[in-house]
Amino acid sequence: MNNNITMTLNADELIRSALREDISSEDVSTNAVMPYYQEGTVNLIAKQDGIICGLYVFKRVFEILDENVRVEFYFKDGDKVKNKDLVATVTGDIRVLLSGERTALNYLQRMSGIATYTNEVAQLFKGSKTKLLDTRKTTPNMRIFEKYAVKVGGGHNHRYNLSDGVLLKDNHIGAAGSVKKAVEMAKEYAPFVRKIEVEVETLEMVKEAADAGADIIMLDNMSVDMMKEAIRIINGRAETECSGNVTKENVAKLTDIGVDYISSGALTHSAPILDLSLKNLHAI
């Protein structure tokens, strides 16, 4: 998402949809007070400390409305910003600045909030071999932006979507009849380049998944003692992932267990926004 090609191919359509959601026919408020073209400028201000993320998306919102809008950034994605920092200035048709303001801020605040929260959690992983992963628990039509924000914050992406990898969860196992059968069927169906991950909830399922040749075994909602025993049973036969109600409040005790990955839906579904604002709009 750092390059324009990726953004144009994958994100512009979503940004256009967001703009259509906010401007179904016209921006009545703006057209009432600014009926004609007038060039102006407005400042993007941070209102709290955090990690900035989504600056290019912020810029694209205005560019899609008017390619002549100019945005000057004083930070880049991944930088730390502090309350009252001037992050950027936006210059162009005042009507465009007003009409694009909320959509641009919605993206930037959401993405910066996820990057900030992820960074706080990622700091707890320093010195351990365990990697922090996100999940598919993302806002509909926001996944490309939210998973990018996780990476900017110092986390790693799990599979992007259902076409991206095999993850056999409890209901897949129920449909197949057993862990062993589910793994066998996945091995037969999926391309050999795809790793097969199995979600397990008991030590019996751990043994069955390891014996069946699963590549990754996800230890779901297990106690710390159960996970330690599960790792002993697996004994290096598969990579291990810990999942289930992982937040920054409880992740510290999980990194010492020795799992390869810890996945947290909270990175995307529970991160608060980073407060940012467009202020001081005036004609030039």
C-alpha atoms as a PDB file:
ATOM      1  CA  MET A   1       0.000   0.000   0.000  1.00  0.00           C
ATOM      2  CA  ASN A   2       3.038   2.259   0.003  1.00  0.00           C
ATOM      3  CA  ASN A   3       2.981   2.499  -3.789  1.00  0.00           C
ATOM      4  CA  ASN A   4       0.458   4.229  -6.002  1.00  0.00           C
ATOM      5  CA  ILE A   5      -0.192   1.161  -8.193  1.00  0.00           C
ATOM      6  CA  THR A   6      -1.359  -0.968  -5.258  1.00  0.00           C
ATOM      7  CA  MET A   7      -3.535   1.845  -3.988  1.00  0.00           C
ATOM      8  CA  THR A   8      -5.139   2.536  -7.350  1.00  0.00           C
ATOM      9  CA  LEU A   9      -5.874  -1.145  -8.031  1.00  0.00           C
ATOM     10  CA  ASN A  10      -7.203  -2.090  -4.612  1.00  0.00           C
ATOM     11  CA  ALA A  11      -8.370   0.954  -2.705  1.00  0.00           C
ATOM     12  CA  ASP A  12      -9.734   3.627  -5.022  1.00  0.00           C
ATOM     13  CA  GLU A  13     -12.995   1.774  -5.613  1.00  0.00           C
ATOM     14  CA  LEU A  14     -13.543   1.476  -1.854  1.00  0.00           C
ATOM     15  CA  ILE A  15     -12.759   5.147  -1.299  1.00  0.00           C
ATOM     16  CA  ARG A  16     -15.203   6.120  -4.056  1.00  0.00           C
ATOM     17  CA  SER A  17     -17.862   3.983  -2.394  1.00  0.00           C
ATOM     18  CA  ALA A  18     -17.231   5.714   0.940  1.00  0.00           C
ATOM     19  CA  LEU A  19     -17.540   9.103  -0.721  1.00  0.00           C
ATOM     20  CA  ARG A  20     -20.805   8.082  -2.414  1.00  0.00           C
ATOM     21  CA  GLU A  21     -22.094   6.993   0.993  1.00  0.00           C
ATOM     22  CA  ASP A  22     -21.446  10.504   2.344  1.00  0.00           C
ATOM     23  CA  ILE A  23     -22.483  12.487  -0.761  1.00  0.00           C
ATOM     24  CA  SER A  24     -25.491  10.744  -2.291  1.00  0.00           C
ATOM     25  CA  SER A  25     -26.530  13.723  -4.423  1.00  0.00           C
ATOM     26  CA  GLU A  26     -24.823  16.882  -3.143  1.00  0.00           C
ATOM     27  CA  ASP A  27     -23.148  18.416  -0.105  1.00  0.00           C
ATOM     28  CA  VAL A  28     -25.959  20.775   0.828  1.00  0.00           C
ATOM     29  CA  SER A  29     -24.091  22.539   3.648  1.00  0.00           C
ATOM     30  CA  THR A  30     -21.037  23.312   1.526  1.00  0.00           C
ATOM     31  CA  ASN A  31     -22.994  24.378  -1.543  1.00  0.00           C
ATOM     32  CA  ALA A  32     -25.017  26.745   0.643  1.00  0.00           C
ATOM     33  CA  VAL A  33     -22.008  28.661   1.988  1.00  0.00           C
ATOM     34  CA  MET A  34     -19.555  28.215  -0.905  1.00  0.00           C
ATOM     35  CA  PRO A  35     -21.434  28.256  -4.226  1.00  0.00           C
ATOM     36  CA  TYR A  36     -18.372  29.120  -6.343  1.00  0.00           C
ATOM     37  CA  TYR A  37     -14.745  28.049  -6.653  1.00  0.00           C
ATOM     38  CA  GLN A  38     -12.416  29.534  -4.059  1.00  0.00           C
ATOM     39  CA  GLU A  39      -8.973  28.201  -3.293  1.00  0.00           C
ATOM     40  CA  GLY A  40      -8.251  27.608   0.354  1.00  0.00           C
ATOM     41  CA  THR A  41      -6.108  25.660   2.783  1.00  0.00           C
ATOM     42  CA  VAL A  42      -6.709  23.690   5.969  1.00  0.00           C
ATOM     43  CA  ASN A  43      -4.429  22.110   8.592  1.00  0.00           C
ATOM     44  CA  LEU A  44      -4.450  18.478   9.693  1.00  0.00           C
ATOM     45  CA  ILE A  45      -3.778  18.511  13.438  1.00  0.00           C
ATOM     46  CA  ALA A  46      -3.103  15.617  15.828  1.00  0.00           C
ATOM     47  CA  LYS A  47      -5.224  15.850  18.977  1.00  0.00           C
ATOM     48  CA  GLN A  48      -3.480  13.032  20.860  1.00  0.00           C
ATOM     49  CA  ASP A  49      -0.227  11.067  20.804  1.00  0.00           C
ATOM     50  CA  GLY A  50       0.008   7.993  18.596  1.00  0.00           C
ATOM     51  CA  ILE A  51       1.241   6.348  15.398  1.00  0.00           C
ATOM     52  CA  ILE A  52       0.070   8.033  12.209  1.00  0.00           C
ATOM     53  CA  CYS A  53      -1.141   5.712   9.452  1.00  0.00           C
ATOM     54  CA  GLY A  54      -3.197   6.120   6.296  1.00  0.00           C
ATOM     55  CA  LEU A  55      -1.791   9.387   4.984  1.00  0.00           C
ATOM     56  CA  TYR A  56      -1.931   8.248   1.366  1.00  0.00           C
ATOM     57  CA  VAL A  57      -5.555   7.149   1.793  1.00  0.00           C
ATOM     58  CA  PHE A  58      -6.335  10.530   3.349  1.00  0.00           C
ATOM     59  CA  LYS A  59      -4.766  12.214   0.331  1.00  0.00           C
ATOM     60  CA  ARG A  60      -6.582  10.000  -2.203  1.00  0.00           C
ATOM     61  CA  VAL A  61      -9.974  11.021  -0.812  1.00  0.00           C
ATOM     62  CA  PHE A  62      -9.360  14.615  -1.864  1.00  0.00           C
ATOM     63  CA  GLU A  63      -7.614  13.672  -5.116  1.00  0.00           C
ATOM     64  CA  ILE A  64     -10.582  11.543  -6.208  1.00  0.00           C
ATOM     65  CA  LEU A  65     -12.854  14.547  -5.664  1.00  0.00           C
ATOM     66  CA  ASP A  66     -10.427  16.893  -7.430  1.00  0.00           C
ATOM     67  CA  GLU A  67      -7.056  15.901  -8.899  1.00  0.00           C
ATOM     68  CA  ASN A  68      -5.788  19.462  -8.375  1.00  0.00           C
ATOM     69  CA  VAL A  69      -5.860  19.252  -4.570  1.00  0.00           C
ATOM     70  CA  ARG A  70      -2.379  19.457  -3.040  1.00  0.00           C
ATOM     71  CA  VAL A  71      -1.434  17.772   0.241  1.00  0.00           C
ATOM     72  CA  GLU A  72       1.846  18.482   2.017  1.00  0.00           C
ATOM     73  CA  PHE A  73       2.786  15.978   4.725  1.00  0.00           C
ATOM     74  CA  TYR A  74       5.154  16.653   7.610  1.00  0.00           C
ATOM     75  CA  PHE A  75       5.139  13.022   8.785  1.00  0.00           C
ATOM     76  CA  LYS A  76       5.052   9.603   7.095  1.00  0.00           C
ATOM     77  CA  ASP A  77       3.134   6.449   7.945  1.00  0.00           C
ATOM     78  CA  GLY A  78       4.598   4.796  11.035  1.00  0.00           C
ATOM     79  CA  ASP A  79       5.872   8.023  12.579  1.00  0.00           C
ATOM     80  CA  LYS A  80       4.929   8.973  16.112  1.00  0.00           C
ATOM     81  CA  VAL A  81       2.854  12.131  16.379  1.00  0.00           C
ATOM     82  CA  LYS A  82       2.083  14.158  19.466  1.00  0.00           C
ATOM     83  CA  ASN A  83      -0.938  16.157  20.509  1.00  0.00           C
ATOM     84  CA  LYS A  84      -1.100  19.478  18.616  1.00  0.00           C
ATOM     85  CA  ASP A  85       1.414  18.398  15.934  1.00  0.00           C
ATOM     86  CA  LEU A  86       0.779  19.804  12.462  1.00  0.00           C
ATOM     87  CA  VAL A  87       0.594  16.618  10.397  1.00  0.00           C
ATOM     88  CA  ALA A  88      -0.266  18.058   6.980  1.00  0.00           C
ATOM     89  CA  THR A  89      -1.772  20.954   5.066  1.00  0.00           C
ATOM     90  CA  VAL A  90      -4.382  20.479   2.363  1.00  0.00           C
ATOM     91  CA  THR A  91      -4.810  23.115  -0.343  1.00  0.00           C
ATOM     92  CA  GLY A  92      -7.414  23.338  -3.085  1.00  0.00           C
ATOM     93  CA  ASP A  93     -11.028  24.146  -3.890  1.00  0.00           C
ATOM     94  CA  ILE A  94     -12.657  24.917  -0.531  1.00  0.00           C
ATOM     95  CA  ARG A  95     -15.752  22.970  -1.620  1.00  0.00           C
ATOM     96  CA  VAL A  96     -13.605  19.855  -2.004  1.00  0.00           C
ATOM     97  CA  LEU A  97     -11.869  20.403   1.342  1.00  0.00           C
ATOM     98  CA  LEU A  98     -15.232  20.624   3.081  1.00  0.00           C
ATOM     99  CA  SER A  99     -16.900  17.729   1.257  1.00  0.00           C
ATOM    100  CA  GLY A 100     -13.978  15.324   1.652  1.00  0.00           C
ATOM    101  CA  GLU A 101     -13.143  16.182   5.256  1.00  0.00           C
ATOM    102  CA  ARG A 102     -15.152  13.528   7.114  1.00  0.00           C
ATOM    103  CA  THR A 103     -14.366  10.604   4.817  1.00  0.00           C
ATOM    104  CA  ALA A 104     -10.654  11.447   4.797  1.00  0.00           C
ATOM    105  CA  LEU A 105     -10.570  11.749   8.586  1.00  0.00           C
ATOM    106  CA  ASN A 106     -12.582   8.556   9.087  1.00  0.00           C
ATOM    107  CA  TYR A 107      -9.945   6.562   7.212  1.00  0.00           C
ATOM    108  CA  LEU A 108      -6.990   8.289   8.838  1.00  0.00           C
ATOM    109  CA  GLN A 109      -8.343   8.140  12.399  1.00  0.00           C
ATOM    110  CA  ARG A 110      -9.308   4.473  12.096  1.00  0.00           C
ATOM    111  CA  MET A 111      -6.031   3.380  10.515  1.00  0.00           C
ATOM    112  CA  SER A 112      -3.933   5.441  12.918  1.00  0.00           C
ATOM    113  CA  GLY A 113      -5.864   4.017  15.866  1.00  0.00           C
ATOM    114  CA  ILE A 114      -5.146   0.452  14.740  1.00  0.00           C
ATOM    115  CA  ALA A 115      -1.467   1.235  14.122  1.00  0.00           C
ATOM    116  CA  THR A 116      -1.218   2.848  17.567  1.00  0.00           C
ATOM    117  CA  TYR A 117      -2.919  -0.032  19.383  1.00  0.00           C
ATOM    118  CA  THR A 118      -0.909  -2.638  17.449  1.00  0.00           C
ATOM    119  CA  ASN A 119       2.301  -0.837  18.302  1.00  0.00           C
ATOM    120  CA  GLU A 120       1.441  -0.898  22.001  1.00  0.00           C
ATOM    121  CA  VAL A 121       0.877  -4.654  21.844  1.00  0.00           C
ATOM    122  CA  ALA A 122       3.919  -5.286  19.621  1.00  0.00           C
ATOM    123  CA  GLN A 123       6.180  -3.665  22.211  1.00  0.00           C
ATOM    124  CA  LEU A 124       5.282  -6.532  24.551  1.00  0.00           C
ATOM    125  CA  PHE A 125       6.713  -9.034  22.037  1.00  0.00           C
ATOM    126  CA  LYS A 126      10.228  -7.576  22.052  1.00  0.00           C
ATOM    127  CA  GLY A 127      12.818 -10.168  22.956  1.00  0.00           C
ATOM    128  CA  SER A 128      10.539 -13.134  22.187  1.00  0.00           C
ATOM    129  CA  LYS A 129      10.421 -15.383  19.116  1.00  0.00           C
ATOM    130  CA  THR A 130       6.633 -15.005  18.916  1.00  0.00           C
ATOM    131  CA  LYS A 131       5.075 -12.993  16.073  1.00  0.00           C
ATOM    132  CA  LEU A 132       1.939 -10.891  16.551  1.00  0.00           C
ATOM    133  CA  LEU A 133      -0.765 -11.593  13.942  1.00  0.00           C
ATOM    134  CA  ASP A 134      -4.067  -9.992  13.041  1.00  0.00           C
ATOM    135  CA  THR A 135      -7.236 -11.883  12.022  1.00  0.00           C
ATOM    136  CA  ARG A 136     -10.147 -11.568   9.574  1.00  0.00           C
ATOM    137  CA  LYS A 137     -12.169  -9.771  12.268  1.00  0.00           C
ATOM    138  CA  THR A 138     -12.094  -6.572  10.260  1.00  0.00           C
ATOM    139  CA  THR A 139     -14.695  -3.970   9.346  1.00  0.00           C
ATOM    140  CA  PRO A 140     -16.438  -4.950   6.074  1.00  0.00           C
ATOM    141  CA  ASN A 141     -14.832  -3.179   3.107  1.00  0.00           C
ATOM    142  CA  MET A 142     -12.029  -1.902   5.371  1.00  0.00           C
ATOM    143  CA  ARG A 143      -9.765  -4.970   5.418  1.00  0.00           C
ATOM    144  CA  ILE A 144      -7.093  -3.661   3.039  1.00  0.00           C
ATOM    145  CA  PHE A 145      -6.767  -0.517   5.152  1.00  0.00           C
ATOM    146  CA  GLU A 146      -6.944  -2.208   8.558  1.00  0.00           C
ATOM    147  CA  LYS A 147      -4.448  -4.960   7.773  1.00  0.00           C
ATOM    148  CA  TYR A 148      -2.062  -2.375   6.343  1.00  0.00           C
ATOM    149  CA  ALA A 149      -2.380  -0.425   9.598  1.00  0.00           C
ATOM    150  CA  VAL A 150      -1.457  -3.539  11.590  1.00  0.00           C
ATOM    151  CA  LYS A 151       1.782  -3.837   9.602  1.00  0.00           C
ATOM    152  CA  VAL A 152       2.578  -0.148  10.078  1.00  0.00           C
ATOM    153  CA  GLY A 153       2.067  -0.637  13.820  1.00  0.00           C
ATOM    154  CA  GLY A 154       4.598  -3.473  13.965  1.00  0.00           C
ATOM    155  CA  GLY A 155       2.315  -6.514  13.654  1.00  0.00           C
ATOM    156  CA  HIS A 156       2.074  -9.173  10.952  1.00  0.00           C
ATOM    157  CA  ASN A 157      -0.798 -10.195   8.700  1.00  0.00           C
ATOM    158  CA  HIS A 158      -2.488 -13.578   8.976  1.00  0.00           C
ATOM    159  CA  ARG A 159      -4.282 -14.744   5.800  1.00  0.00           C
ATOM    160  CA  TYR A 160      -5.960 -11.894   3.945  1.00  0.00           C
ATOM    161  CA  ASN A 161      -9.158 -13.729   3.054  1.00  0.00           C
ATOM    162  CA  LEU A 162     -10.741 -17.161   2.615  1.00  0.00           C
ATOM    163  CA  SER A 163      -8.902 -17.733  -0.664  1.00  0.00           C
ATOM    164  CA  ASP A 164      -5.539 -17.040   0.930  1.00  0.00           C
ATOM    165  CA  GLY A 165      -5.019 -20.160   3.057  1.00  0.00           C
ATOM    166  CA  VAL A 166      -6.548 -23.204   4.731  1.00  0.00           C
ATOM    167  CA  LEU A 167      -7.747 -22.706   8.304  1.00  0.00           C
ATOM    168  CA  LEU A 168      -9.907 -25.542   9.599  1.00  0.00           C
ATOM    169  CA  LYS A 169     -11.985 -24.197  12.477  1.00  0.00           C
ATOM    170  CA  ASP A 170     -14.425 -26.011  14.754  1.00  0.00           C
ATOM    171  CA  ASN A 171     -17.292 -25.931  12.277  1.00  0.00           C
ATOM    172  CA  HIS A 172     -15.094 -27.172   9.410  1.00  0.00           C
ATOM    173  CA  ILE A 173     -14.050 -30.071  11.639  1.00  0.00           C
ATOM    174  CA  GLY A 174     -17.694 -30.687  12.500  1.00  0.00           C
ATOM    175  CA  ALA A 175     -18.583 -30.738   8.808  1.00  0.00           C
ATOM    176  CA  ALA A 176     -15.762 -33.187   7.997  1.00  0.00           C
ATOM    177  CA  GLY A 177     -16.432 -35.426  10.991  1.00  0.00           C
ATOM    178  CA  SER A 178     -13.063 -35.262  12.750  1.00  0.00           C
ATOM    179  CA  VAL A 179      -9.763 -33.404  12.849  1.00  0.00           C
ATOM    180  CA  LYS A 180      -8.013 -36.234  11.021  1.00  0.00           C
ATOM    181  CA  LYS A 181     -10.613 -36.366   8.270  1.00  0.00           C
ATOM    182  CA  ALA A 182     -10.635 -32.584   7.846  1.00  0.00           C
ATOM    183  CA  VAL A 183      -6.833 -32.487   7.436  1.00  0.00           C
ATOM    184  CA  GLU A 184      -6.890 -35.411   5.012  1.00  0.00           C
ATOM    185  CA  MET A 185      -9.556 -33.752   2.883  1.00  0.00           C
ATOM    186  CA  ALA A 186      -7.702 -30.418   2.913  1.00  0.00           C
ATOM    187  CA  LYS A 187      -4.459 -32.080   1.856  1.00  0.00           C
ATOM    188  CA  GLU A 188      -6.272 -33.755  -1.033  1.00  0.00           C
ATOM    189  CA  TYR A 189      -8.119 -30.630  -2.166  1.00  0.00           C
ATOM    190  CA  ALA A 190      -5.839 -27.662  -1.520  1.00  0.00           C
ATOM    191  CA  PRO A 191      -2.784 -26.832  -3.668  1.00  0.00           C
ATOM    192  CA  PHE A 192       0.379 -28.282  -2.167  1.00  0.00           C
ATOM    193  CA  VAL A 193       1.800 -24.777  -1.676  1.00  0.00           C
ATOM    194  CA  ARG A 194      -0.938 -23.993   0.856  1.00  0.00           C
ATOM    195  CA  LYS A 195      -0.177 -24.599   4.518  1.00  0.00           C
ATOM    196  CA  ILE A 196      -2.945 -26.287   6.485  1.00  0.00           C
ATOM    197  CA  GLU A 197      -3.804 -24.787   9.847  1.00  0.00           C
ATOM    198  CA  VAL A 198      -6.142 -26.457  12.334  1.00  0.00           C
ATOM    199  CA  GLU A 199      -7.916 -24.830  15.268  1.00  0.00           C
ATOM    200  CA  VAL A 200      -8.016 -27.081  18.339  1.00  0.00           C
ATOM    201  CA  GLU A 201      -9.618 -26.701  21.758  1.00  0.00           C
ATOM    202  CA  THR A 202      -8.532 -29.846  23.632  1.00  0.00           C
ATOM    203  CA  LEU A 203      -5.318 -31.815  24.091  1.00  0.00           C
ATOM    204  CA  GLU A 204      -6.912 -34.774  22.297  1.00  0.00           C
ATOM    205  CA  MET A 205      -7.477 -32.540  19.262  1.00  0.00           C
ATOM    206  CA  VAL A 206      -3.881 -31.309  19.511  1.00  0.00           C
ATOM    207  CA  LYS A 207      -2.562 -34.866  19.238  1.00  0.00           C
ATOM    208  CA  GLU A 208      -4.936 -35.706  16.396  1.00  0.00           C
ATOM    209  CA  ALA A 209      -3.946 -32.604  14.420  1.00  0.00           C
ATOM    210  CA  ALA A 210      -0.225 -33.220  14.901  1.00  0.00           C
ATOM    211  CA  ASP A 211      -0.541 -36.902  13.961  1.00  0.00           C
ATOM    212  CA  ALA A 212      -2.566 -35.960  10.867  1.00  0.00           C
ATOM    213  CA  GLY A 213       0.240 -33.709   9.612  1.00  0.00           C
ATOM    214  CA  ALA A 214      -1.197 -30.230  10.128  1.00  0.00           C
ATOM    215  CA  ASP A 215       1.328 -27.515   9.300  1.00  0.00           C
ATOM    216  CA  ILE A 216       0.099 -25.079  11.946  1.00  0.00           C
ATOM    217  CA  ILE A 217      -1.922 -25.848  15.061  1.00  0.00           C
ATOM    218  CA  MET A 218      -3.949 -23.027  16.577  1.00  0.00           C
ATOM    219  CA  LEU A 219      -4.460 -23.369  20.326  1.00  0.00           C
ATOM    220  CA  ASP A 220      -7.819 -21.714  20.833  1.00  0.00           C
ATOM    221  CA  ASN A 221      -8.938 -20.341  24.211  1.00  0.00           C
ATOM    222  CA  MET A 222      -6.645 -22.651  26.189  1.00  0.00           C
ATOM    223  CA  SER A 223      -5.217 -21.964  29.618  1.00  0.00           C
ATOM    224  CA  VAL A 224      -1.502 -21.284  29.891  1.00  0.00           C
ATOM    225  CA  ASP A 225      -0.899 -24.745  31.380  1.00  0.00           C
ATOM    226  CA  MET A 226      -2.880 -26.412  28.588  1.00  0.00           C
ATOM    227  CA  MET A 227      -0.868 -24.550  25.958  1.00  0.00           C
ATOM    228  CA  LYS A 228       2.399 -25.612  27.531  1.00  0.00           C
ATOM    229  CA  GLU A 229       1.247 -29.236  27.446  1.00  0.00           C
ATOM    230  CA  ALA A 230       0.052 -28.822  23.856  1.00  0.00           C
ATOM    231  CA  ILE A 231       3.474 -27.570  22.787  1.00  0.00           C
ATOM    232  CA  ARG A 232       5.046 -30.583  24.479  1.00  0.00           C
ATOM    233  CA  ILE A 233       2.700 -32.919  22.567  1.00  0.00           C
ATOM    234  CA  ILE A 234       3.355 -31.208  19.239  1.00  0.00           C
ATOM    235  CA  ASN A 235       7.099 -31.388  19.874  1.00  0.00           C
ATOM    236  CA  GLY A 236       8.097 -29.402  16.810  1.00  0.00           C
ATOM    237  CA  ARG A 237       5.928 -31.342  14.368  1.00  0.00           C
ATOM    238  CA  ALA A 238       3.947 -28.204  13.511  1.00  0.00           C
ATOM    239  CA  GLU A 239       4.114 -24.473  14.023  1.00  0.00           C
ATOM    240  CA  THR A 240       1.940 -23.202  16.852  1.00  0.00           C
ATOM    241  CA  GLU A 241      -0.443 -20.293  17.189  1.00  0.00           C
ATOM    242  CA  CYS A 242      -2.273 -19.020  20.250  1.00  0.00           C
ATOM    243  CA  SER A 243      -5.652 -17.377  19.784  1.00  0.00           C
ATOM    244  CA  GLY A 244      -8.717 -16.349  21.748  1.00  0.00           C
ATOM    245  CA  ASN A 245      -9.410 -13.070  23.604  1.00  0.00           C
ATOM    246  CA  VAL A 246      -5.855 -11.816  23.191  1.00  0.00           C
ATOM    247  CA  THR A 247      -5.512  -8.161  24.215  1.00  0.00           C
ATOM    248  CA  LYS A 248      -2.677  -5.899  25.321  1.00  0.00           C
ATOM    249  CA  GLU A 249      -3.786  -6.507  28.913  1.00  0.00           C
ATOM    250  CA  ASN A 250      -3.116 -10.268  28.842  1.00  0.00           C
ATOM    251  CA  VAL A 251      -0.607 -10.812  26.033  1.00  0.00           C
ATOM    252  CA  ALA A 252       2.505 -10.501  28.226  1.00  0.00           C
ATOM    253  CA  LYS A 253       1.913 -13.837  29.946  1.00  0.00           C
ATOM    254  CA  LEU A 254       1.452 -15.579  26.590  1.00  0.00           C
ATOM    255  CA  THR A 255       4.764 -14.636  24.975  1.00  0.00           C
ATOM    256  CA  ASP A 256       6.737 -16.764  27.438  1.00  0.00           C
ATOM    257  CA  ILE A 257       4.978 -19.990  26.442  1.00  0.00           C
ATOM    258  CA  GLY A 258       7.009 -20.444  23.272  1.00  0.00           C
ATOM    259  CA  VAL A 259       4.306 -20.386  20.589  1.00  0.00           C
ATOM    260  CA  ASP A 260       5.344 -19.222  17.129  1.00  0.00           C
ATOM    261  CA  TYR A 261       2.412 -16.863  16.664  1.00  0.00           C
ATOM    262  CA  ILE A 262      -0.195 -15.054  18.736  1.00  0.00           C
ATOM    263  CA  SER A 263      -3.226 -13.787  16.812  1.00  0.00           C
ATOM    264  CA  SER A 264      -5.455 -11.030  18.112  1.00  0.00           C
ATOM    265  CA  GLY A 265      -8.740  -9.900  16.652  1.00  0.00           C
ATOM    266  CA  ALA A 266      -8.608  -6.961  19.042  1.00  0.00           C
ATOM    267  CA  LEU A 267      -5.985  -5.282  16.852  1.00  0.00           C
ATOM    268  CA  THR A 268      -8.679  -4.471  14.324  1.00  0.00           C
ATOM    269  CA  HIS A 269     -12.008  -4.817  16.117  1.00  0.00           C
ATOM    270  CA  SER A 270     -11.201  -3.082  19.408  1.00  0.00           C
ATOM    271  CA  ALA A 271      -8.631  -0.385  18.643  1.00  0.00           C
ATOM    272  CA  PRO A 272      -9.913   3.113  19.447  1.00  0.00           C
ATOM    273  CA  ILE A 273      -9.430   5.810  16.822  1.00  0.00           C
ATOM    274  CA  LEU A 274      -6.572   8.292  17.010  1.00  0.00           C
ATOM    275  CA  ASP A 275      -8.107  11.744  17.343  1.00  0.00           C
ATOM    276  CA  LEU A 276      -7.189  14.005  14.412  1.00  0.00           C
ATOM    277  CA  SER A 277      -8.862  17.116  13.087  1.00  0.00           C
ATOM    278  CA  LEU A 278      -8.922  19.465  10.103  1.00  0.00           C
ATOM    279  CA  LYS A 279      -8.715  23.011  11.458  1.00  0.00           C
ATOM    280  CA  ASN A 280      -8.149  26.612  10.479  1.00  0.00           C
ATOM    281  CA  LEU A 281      -9.671  26.477   7.003  1.00  0.00           C
ATOM    282  CA  HIS A 282      -9.330  29.791   5.208  1.00  0.00           C
ATOM    283  CA  ALA A 283      -9.307  31.236   1.719  1.00  0.00           C
ATOM    284  CA  ILE A 284      -6.004  32.068   0.005  1.00  0.00           C
END
